[in-house]
Amino acid sequence: MDRLSLLFADIGKLLGRYGGAYLAGVRNTLVLALAATFIGCLIGFLCGILQTIPCAKSDHPVKKILLGLLRVIIRVYVEVFRGTPMVLQAVFIYYGLPYFTNNALRFTSVWAAALLVVSINTGAYMAESVRGGIISIDPGQTEGAKAIGMTHVQTMTSVILPQALRNILPQIGNNFIINIKDTSVMFIISFTEFFAVHRAAVGATYLYFPSATVEMIGYLCMTLAASFLLRALERKLDGDESYELVQADALTMTAGTYNYPDRGSPFDERNPEAVKSMMRESLRRQAEQDEAVRQGQRAERRRETGPSENGNRKGER
C-alpha cells in the first residue's frame, strides 16, 4: 500500500512538472498517426488498384511489360517495408539520405521525415489489404459493370472500391491504432512525440516506472478512444438493423436509360437499336397476351358446347 501511494505521489510530481509536455506529446502522436494513416491509405489504394489492373493475353505487349514491371516494383516495396522494423526505416531515410548525397539532400523538418516514414510503412501494409478487399468483391459485379459500358476506372471508383472500403475499414482502423503505438520509435530521429517526452522526463527525474505508468495509461486511452470511434463509424456505414425488403425492383424502371451518346452504347436511350429492341419486346409481350386471351376463349366455347354435343350423340344411338 505504501508503494502504491508512493507511485501516485511520483506520478503527481511528474504531471506537475511535465504535464504540458505530456499533452504536447499526445497531440503530436495523434496528429502524426492520423496524417500518416490517411496518406498510407492513399498509397495503399493506389498500389492495390494498380495490382488488380486486368491483363489479358490479347493485350499489347507494351502494356504487359509495363504492368509486369509495375507489379514487381510494388511487390519489392511491400516486402521491404513490411519485412523491416520502422525504427530502422527511420534511420535509413533520415540519416541515409544525407550520408549518400554528402549532405546535399537532407530533411530540414523532422515532422516531414517522421510523416514520410510512417506513411510509406502504412502504405505497404494497406496495399495488401486493399488488394484483398478488391479481390473479395464478387467478380460478377465487375462483369456487370463492363456489360453496361463502364471502363475499368469507372468500375473501380463507382462499384468495387465503395464495397472494398467497407470490407477493409477494420484493417484501416487497426493500422491507425498500430501507428499510435509505433510512432514511439520516432524518437530515433529526434521527433518529440509521447514516448520522447517520457525519455526526457526520466532523464531529468530518474522516475522511470512512474513515467512508464503515465505512458501506458496514455497510450491505452488513445487506442481505446480510437477503437470506440471506429466501431461507431462501422455501425454508421452498416445502417439500421431493422429494415424492410424491397418488394419492387426500382432498377426495372431505369432499364435502357443509360446515357452514353458518345460511345453509342446499346443501353443508351437515344440509340435507335435500343428503341427498336424495346418496341420488339413490347410487341412480343402483346402478342403473347392476345394469344392467351384467344386460347381462353376457345376453351370457354368448348365447355359450353360440350354437354349439348354429348346429348345429341345419345339421342342418335
Protein backbone atom coordinates (compact mmCIF):
# COMPACT_ATOMS: atom_id res chain seq x y z
CA MET A 1 0.00 0.00 0.00
CA ASP A 2 2.89 2.34 0.79
CA ARG A 3 4.47 1.62 -2.58
CA LEU A 4 1.19 2.37 -4.33
CA SER A 5 0.89 5.67 -2.50
CA LEU A 6 4.48 6.47 -3.46
CA LEU A 7 3.69 5.64 -7.08
CA PHE A 8 0.76 8.06 -7.15
CA ALA A 9 2.88 10.71 -5.47
CA ASP A 10 5.64 10.31 -8.06
CA ILE A 11 3.09 10.44 -10.87
CA GLY A 12 1.73 13.64 -9.37
CA LYS A 13 5.24 15.14 -9.36
CA LEU A 14 5.77 14.19 -13.00
CA LEU A 15 2.44 15.61 -14.10
CA GLY A 16 3.07 18.77 -12.13
CA ARG A 17 6.42 19.37 -13.82
CA TYR A 18 5.87 17.81 -17.26
CA GLY A 19 2.09 17.73 -17.66
CA GLY A 20 2.17 20.21 -20.54
CA ALA A 21 4.95 18.26 -22.25
CA TYR A 22 2.98 15.01 -21.93
CA LEU A 23 -0.08 16.64 -23.50
CA ALA A 24 2.02 18.06 -26.33
CA GLY A 25 3.45 14.60 -26.90
CA VAL A 26 -0.07 13.12 -27.06
CA ARG A 27 -1.08 15.78 -29.58
CA ASN A 28 1.95 15.14 -31.78
CA THR A 29 1.39 11.39 -31.62
CA LEU A 30 -2.27 11.64 -32.66
CA VAL A 31 -1.61 14.14 -35.45
CA LEU A 32 1.25 12.08 -36.85
CA ALA A 33 -0.70 8.80 -36.63
CA LEU A 34 -3.83 10.28 -38.22
CA ALA A 35 -2.00 12.05 -41.07
CA ALA A 36 0.27 9.07 -41.77
CA THR A 37 -2.67 6.65 -41.79
CA PHE A 38 -4.53 8.85 -44.27
CA ILE A 39 -1.54 9.18 -46.61
CA GLY A 40 -0.73 5.49 -46.17
CA CYS A 41 -4.29 4.59 -47.18
CA LEU A 42 -3.92 6.65 -50.35
CA ILE A 43 -0.66 4.86 -51.14
CA GLY A 44 -2.25 1.51 -50.36
CA PHE A 45 -5.29 2.19 -52.54
CA LEU A 46 -3.05 3.26 -55.42
CA CYS A 47 -0.88 0.15 -55.13
CA GLY A 48 -3.88 -2.13 -54.67
CA ILE A 49 -5.66 -0.75 -57.74
CA LEU A 50 -2.52 -0.99 -59.88
CA GLN A 51 -2.02 -4.61 -58.84
CA THR A 52 -5.56 -5.52 -59.91
CA ILE A 53 -5.49 -3.97 -63.40
CA PRO A 54 -6.59 -6.77 -65.75
CA CYS A 55 -4.07 -8.02 -68.29
CA ALA A 56 -5.39 -10.35 -70.99
CA LYS A 57 -3.38 -12.41 -73.43
CA SER A 58 -4.66 -10.29 -76.30
CA ASP A 59 -3.35 -7.04 -74.79
CA HIS A 60 -0.48 -5.12 -76.35
CA PRO A 61 2.99 -6.40 -75.33
CA VAL A 62 3.98 -2.95 -74.10
CA LYS A 63 1.06 -2.95 -71.67
CA LYS A 64 2.05 -6.41 -70.42
CA ILE A 65 5.65 -5.33 -69.86
CA LEU A 66 4.68 -2.12 -68.06
CA LEU A 67 2.16 -3.87 -65.82
CA GLY A 68 4.65 -6.64 -65.03
CA LEU A 69 7.37 -4.11 -64.15
CA LEU A 70 4.93 -2.09 -62.05
CA ARG A 71 3.83 -5.15 -60.11
CA VAL A 72 7.45 -6.11 -59.44
CA ILE A 73 8.20 -2.62 -58.09
CA ILE A 74 5.12 -2.68 -55.85
CA ARG A 75 5.98 -6.18 -54.61
CA VAL A 76 9.54 -5.12 -53.72
CA TYR A 77 8.23 -2.02 -51.93
CA VAL A 78 5.69 -4.04 -49.94
CA GLU A 79 8.13 -6.77 -48.95
CA VAL A 80 10.91 -4.37 -47.93
CA PHE A 81 8.77 -2.12 -45.75
CA ARG A 82 6.75 -4.95 -44.24
CA GLY A 83 9.86 -7.00 -43.54
CA THR A 84 11.96 -4.38 -41.72
CA PRO A 85 11.37 -2.53 -38.42
CA MET A 86 10.07 1.01 -38.64
CA VAL A 87 12.90 2.28 -36.42
CA LEU A 88 15.48 1.12 -38.97
CA GLN A 89 13.45 2.59 -41.81
CA ALA A 90 13.55 5.93 -40.00
CA VAL A 91 17.32 5.66 -39.58
CA PHE A 92 17.90 4.78 -43.24
CA ILE A 93 15.65 7.56 -44.56
CA TYR A 94 16.57 10.36 -42.15
CA TYR A 95 20.30 9.67 -41.82
CA GLY A 96 20.91 7.72 -45.02
CA LEU A 97 19.81 10.48 -47.41
CA PRO A 98 22.50 13.00 -46.32
CA TYR A 99 25.04 10.16 -45.97
CA PHE A 100 24.75 9.06 -49.61
CA THR A 101 24.44 12.63 -51.00
CA ASN A 102 27.26 14.11 -48.91
CA ASN A 103 24.73 16.34 -47.10
CA ALA A 104 23.45 17.73 -50.39
CA LEU A 105 19.98 16.39 -49.60
CA ARG A 106 18.68 16.32 -46.06
CA PHE A 107 15.48 16.82 -44.14
CA THR A 108 15.03 20.32 -42.75
CA SER A 109 11.92 19.31 -40.80
CA VAL A 110 11.76 16.32 -38.53
CA TRP A 111 7.97 16.38 -38.95
CA ALA A 112 8.34 15.76 -42.68
CA ALA A 113 10.75 12.87 -42.08
CA ALA A 114 8.52 11.23 -39.47
CA LEU A 115 5.42 11.65 -41.65
CA LEU A 116 7.22 10.13 -44.65
CA VAL A 117 8.48 7.11 -42.70
CA VAL A 118 5.16 6.25 -41.05
CA SER A 119 3.19 6.89 -44.26
CA ILE A 120 5.20 4.62 -46.52
CA ASN A 121 5.27 1.94 -43.84
CA THR A 122 1.48 2.12 -43.52
CA GLY A 123 1.11 2.13 -47.31
CA ALA A 124 2.99 -1.15 -47.57
CA TYR A 125 0.54 -2.85 -45.22
CA MET A 126 -2.51 -1.18 -46.75
CA ALA A 127 -1.50 -2.24 -50.29
CA GLU A 128 -2.11 -5.90 -49.48
CA SER A 129 -5.28 -5.09 -47.52
CA VAL A 130 -6.72 -3.13 -50.45
CA ARG A 131 -5.79 -5.85 -52.93
CA GLY A 132 -7.52 -8.44 -50.74
CA GLY A 133 -10.57 -6.19 -50.37
CA ILE A 134 -10.86 -5.75 -54.14
CA ILE A 135 -10.46 -9.48 -54.77
CA SER A 136 -13.15 -10.25 -52.18
CA ILE A 137 -15.82 -8.47 -54.26
CA ASP A 138 -17.93 -10.80 -56.41
CA PRO A 139 -16.44 -10.88 -59.96
CA GLY A 140 -19.98 -10.78 -61.32
CA GLN A 141 -20.21 -7.13 -60.33
CA THR A 142 -17.19 -6.28 -62.46
CA GLU A 143 -18.67 -8.19 -65.37
CA GLY A 144 -22.00 -6.41 -64.94
CA ALA A 145 -20.28 -3.00 -64.90
CA LYS A 146 -18.40 -3.83 -68.09
CA ALA A 147 -21.64 -5.06 -69.69
CA ILE A 148 -23.18 -1.59 -69.40
CA GLY A 149 -20.10 0.04 -70.92
CA MET A 150 -18.16 1.18 -67.85
CA THR A 151 -14.38 1.46 -68.06
CA HIS A 152 -12.00 -0.10 -65.54
CA VAL A 153 -11.60 3.24 -63.74
CA GLN A 154 -15.37 3.77 -63.57
CA THR A 155 -15.87 0.22 -62.36
CA MET A 156 -13.32 0.69 -59.59
CA THR A 157 -14.49 4.10 -58.40
CA SER A 158 -18.25 3.50 -58.66
CA VAL A 159 -18.72 -0.22 -58.00
CA ILE A 160 -15.75 -2.03 -56.48
CA LEU A 161 -13.94 0.45 -54.21
CA PRO A 162 -17.00 1.60 -52.20
CA GLN A 163 -17.65 -2.03 -51.22
CA ALA A 164 -13.96 -2.80 -50.72
CA LEU A 165 -13.62 0.24 -48.46
CA ARG A 166 -16.28 -1.15 -46.11
CA ASN A 167 -14.56 -4.54 -46.10
CA ILE A 168 -11.13 -3.13 -45.22
CA LEU A 169 -12.35 -0.48 -42.78
CA PRO A 170 -11.42 -2.65 -39.75
CA GLN A 171 -7.91 -3.02 -41.17
CA ILE A 172 -7.64 0.75 -41.64
CA GLY A 173 -8.61 1.20 -38.01
CA ASN A 174 -6.14 -1.46 -36.97
CA ASN A 175 -3.34 0.34 -38.82
CA PHE A 176 -4.30 3.62 -37.17
CA ILE A 177 -4.07 2.04 -33.72
CA ILE A 178 -0.73 0.45 -34.64
CA ASN A 179 0.56 3.84 -35.80
CA ILE A 180 -0.41 5.43 -32.49
CA LYS A 181 1.92 2.97 -30.76
CA ASP A 182 4.62 2.71 -33.43
CA THR A 183 5.22 6.45 -33.53
CA SER A 184 7.10 5.85 -30.29
CA VAL A 185 10.15 4.81 -32.36
CA MET A 186 10.37 8.25 -33.98
CA PHE A 187 12.45 9.46 -31.06
CA ILE A 188 15.36 7.95 -33.00
CA ILE A 189 15.22 10.94 -35.36
CA SER A 190 14.52 13.41 -32.51
CA PHE A 191 10.79 13.69 -33.14
CA THR A 192 9.05 14.86 -29.96
CA GLU A 193 6.13 12.51 -29.52
CA PHE A 194 4.61 10.93 -26.39
CA PHE A 195 7.39 8.42 -25.77
CA ALA A 196 10.11 11.04 -26.34
CA VAL A 197 8.60 13.11 -23.50
CA HIS A 198 8.84 10.02 -21.30
CA ARG A 199 12.55 9.66 -22.09
CA ALA A 200 13.17 13.32 -21.34
CA ALA A 201 11.26 13.20 -18.04
CA VAL A 202 13.10 10.04 -16.93
CA GLY A 203 16.45 11.58 -17.80
CA ALA A 204 15.68 14.57 -15.59
CA THR A 205 13.95 12.89 -12.64
CA TYR A 206 15.03 9.21 -12.77
CA LEU A 207 11.40 8.27 -12.08
CA TYR A 208 11.33 5.57 -14.73
CA PHE A 209 8.43 3.40 -13.58
CA PRO A 210 6.04 6.25 -12.67
CA SER A 211 6.69 7.84 -16.05
CA ALA A 212 6.20 4.48 -17.79
CA THR A 213 2.87 4.15 -15.97
CA VAL A 214 1.78 7.52 -17.32
CA GLU A 215 2.83 6.41 -20.80
CA MET A 216 0.95 3.13 -20.58
CA ILE A 217 -2.26 4.80 -19.39
CA GLY A 218 -1.93 7.48 -22.08
CA TYR A 219 -1.44 5.02 -24.94
CA LEU A 220 -4.29 2.86 -23.64
CA CYS A 221 -6.68 5.82 -23.53
CA MET A 222 -5.74 6.84 -27.09
CA THR A 223 -6.20 3.34 -28.52
CA LEU A 224 -9.48 2.74 -26.68
CA ALA A 225 -10.89 6.04 -27.93
CA ALA A 226 -9.81 5.20 -31.48
CA SER A 227 -11.42 1.75 -31.25
CA PHE A 228 -14.69 3.23 -29.98
CA LEU A 229 -14.84 5.81 -32.78
CA LEU A 230 -14.03 3.23 -35.46
CA ARG A 231 -16.74 0.86 -34.23
CA ALA A 232 -19.22 3.74 -34.28
CA LEU A 233 -18.21 4.50 -37.88
CA GLU A 234 -18.69 0.85 -38.86
CA ARG A 235 -22.17 0.81 -37.34
CA LYS A 236 -22.98 4.03 -39.19
CA LEU A 237 -21.92 2.51 -42.50
CA ASP A 238 -23.86 -0.69 -41.82
CA GLY A 239 -27.10 1.27 -41.42
CA ASP A 240 -30.12 0.34 -39.31
CA GLU A 241 -30.56 -3.26 -38.22
CA SER A 242 -34.34 -3.06 -38.71
CA TYR A 243 -35.24 -2.74 -42.38
CA GLU A 244 -37.84 -3.93 -44.85
CA LEU A 245 -37.08 -5.85 -48.01
CA VAL A 246 -37.81 -4.05 -51.27
CA GLN A 247 -40.90 -5.53 -52.89
CA ALA A 248 -40.34 -3.97 -56.32
CA ASP A 249 -37.09 -3.64 -58.19
CA ALA A 250 -36.53 0.04 -58.85
CA LEU A 251 -33.88 -0.73 -61.44
CA THR A 252 -36.51 -2.15 -63.79
CA MET A 253 -37.81 1.37 -64.29
CA THR A 254 -34.37 2.55 -65.48
CA ALA A 255 -33.68 -0.24 -67.97
CA GLY A 256 -32.44 1.23 -71.25
CA THR A 257 -31.94 4.75 -69.87
CA TYR A 258 -28.15 4.74 -69.57
CA ASN A 259 -26.85 7.74 -71.44
CA TYR A 260 -23.57 7.22 -73.28
CA PRO A 261 -24.20 9.00 -76.61
CA ASP A 262 -20.51 9.43 -77.37
CA ARG A 263 -19.83 5.70 -77.26
CA GLY A 264 -23.16 4.64 -78.81
CA SER A 265 -23.81 2.10 -76.06
CA PRO A 266 -26.68 -0.36 -76.80
CA PHE A 267 -28.07 0.69 -73.41
CA ASP A 268 -28.34 4.35 -74.43
CA GLU A 269 -31.91 5.62 -74.57
CA ARG A 270 -31.01 7.68 -77.65
CA ASN A 271 -29.65 4.68 -79.52
CA PRO A 272 -32.04 3.57 -82.33
CA GLU A 273 -31.14 -0.06 -81.75
CA ALA A 274 -32.24 0.22 -78.12
CA VAL A 275 -35.56 1.79 -79.20
CA LYS A 276 -36.18 -0.96 -81.77
CA SER A 277 -35.34 -3.63 -79.22
CA MET A 278 -37.78 -2.17 -76.72
CA MET A 279 -40.52 -1.98 -79.39
CA ARG A 280 -39.94 -5.59 -80.41
CA GLU A 281 -40.13 -6.69 -76.80
CA SER A 282 -43.36 -4.75 -76.30
CA LEU A 283 -44.93 -6.29 -79.42
CA ARG A 284 -43.86 -9.76 -78.37
CA ARG A 285 -45.45 -9.37 -74.94
CA GLN A 286 -48.68 -8.00 -76.52
CA ALA A 287 -48.82 -10.97 -78.94
CA GLU A 288 -48.38 -13.40 -76.05
CA GLN A 289 -51.21 -11.72 -74.15
CA ASP A 290 -53.51 -11.82 -77.21
CA GLU A 291 -52.73 -15.49 -77.79
CA ALA A 292 -53.52 -16.29 -74.15
CA VAL A 293 -56.87 -14.48 -74.47
CA ARG A 294 -57.76 -16.43 -77.64
CA GLN A 295 -56.87 -19.75 -76.01
CA GLY A 296 -59.07 -18.88 -73.06
CA GLN A 297 -61.98 -18.04 -75.31
CA ARG A 298 -61.65 -21.31 -77.26
CA ALA A 299 -61.58 -23.29 -74.02
CA GLU A 300 -64.70 -21.50 -72.80
CA ARG A 301 -66.59 -22.31 -76.04
CA ARG A 302 -65.61 -25.96 -75.76
CA ARG A 303 -67.00 -26.14 -72.22
CA GLU A 304 -70.29 -24.54 -73.31
CA THR A 305 -70.85 -26.76 -76.39
CA GLY A 306 -69.63 -29.98 -74.78
CA PRO A 307 -72.90 -31.08 -72.94
CA SER A 308 -75.19 -30.42 -75.94
CA GLU A 309 -72.98 -32.42 -78.29
CA ASN A 310 -72.96 -35.36 -75.87
CA GLY A 311 -76.82 -35.29 -75.63
CA ASN A 312 -77.20 -35.33 -79.41
CA ARG A 313 -74.93 -38.31 -79.70
CA LYS A 314 -77.00 -40.27 -77.09
CA GLY A 315 -80.27 -39.47 -78.95
CA GLU A 316 -78.88 -40.79 -82.21
CA ARG A 317 -77.98 -44.07 -80.54
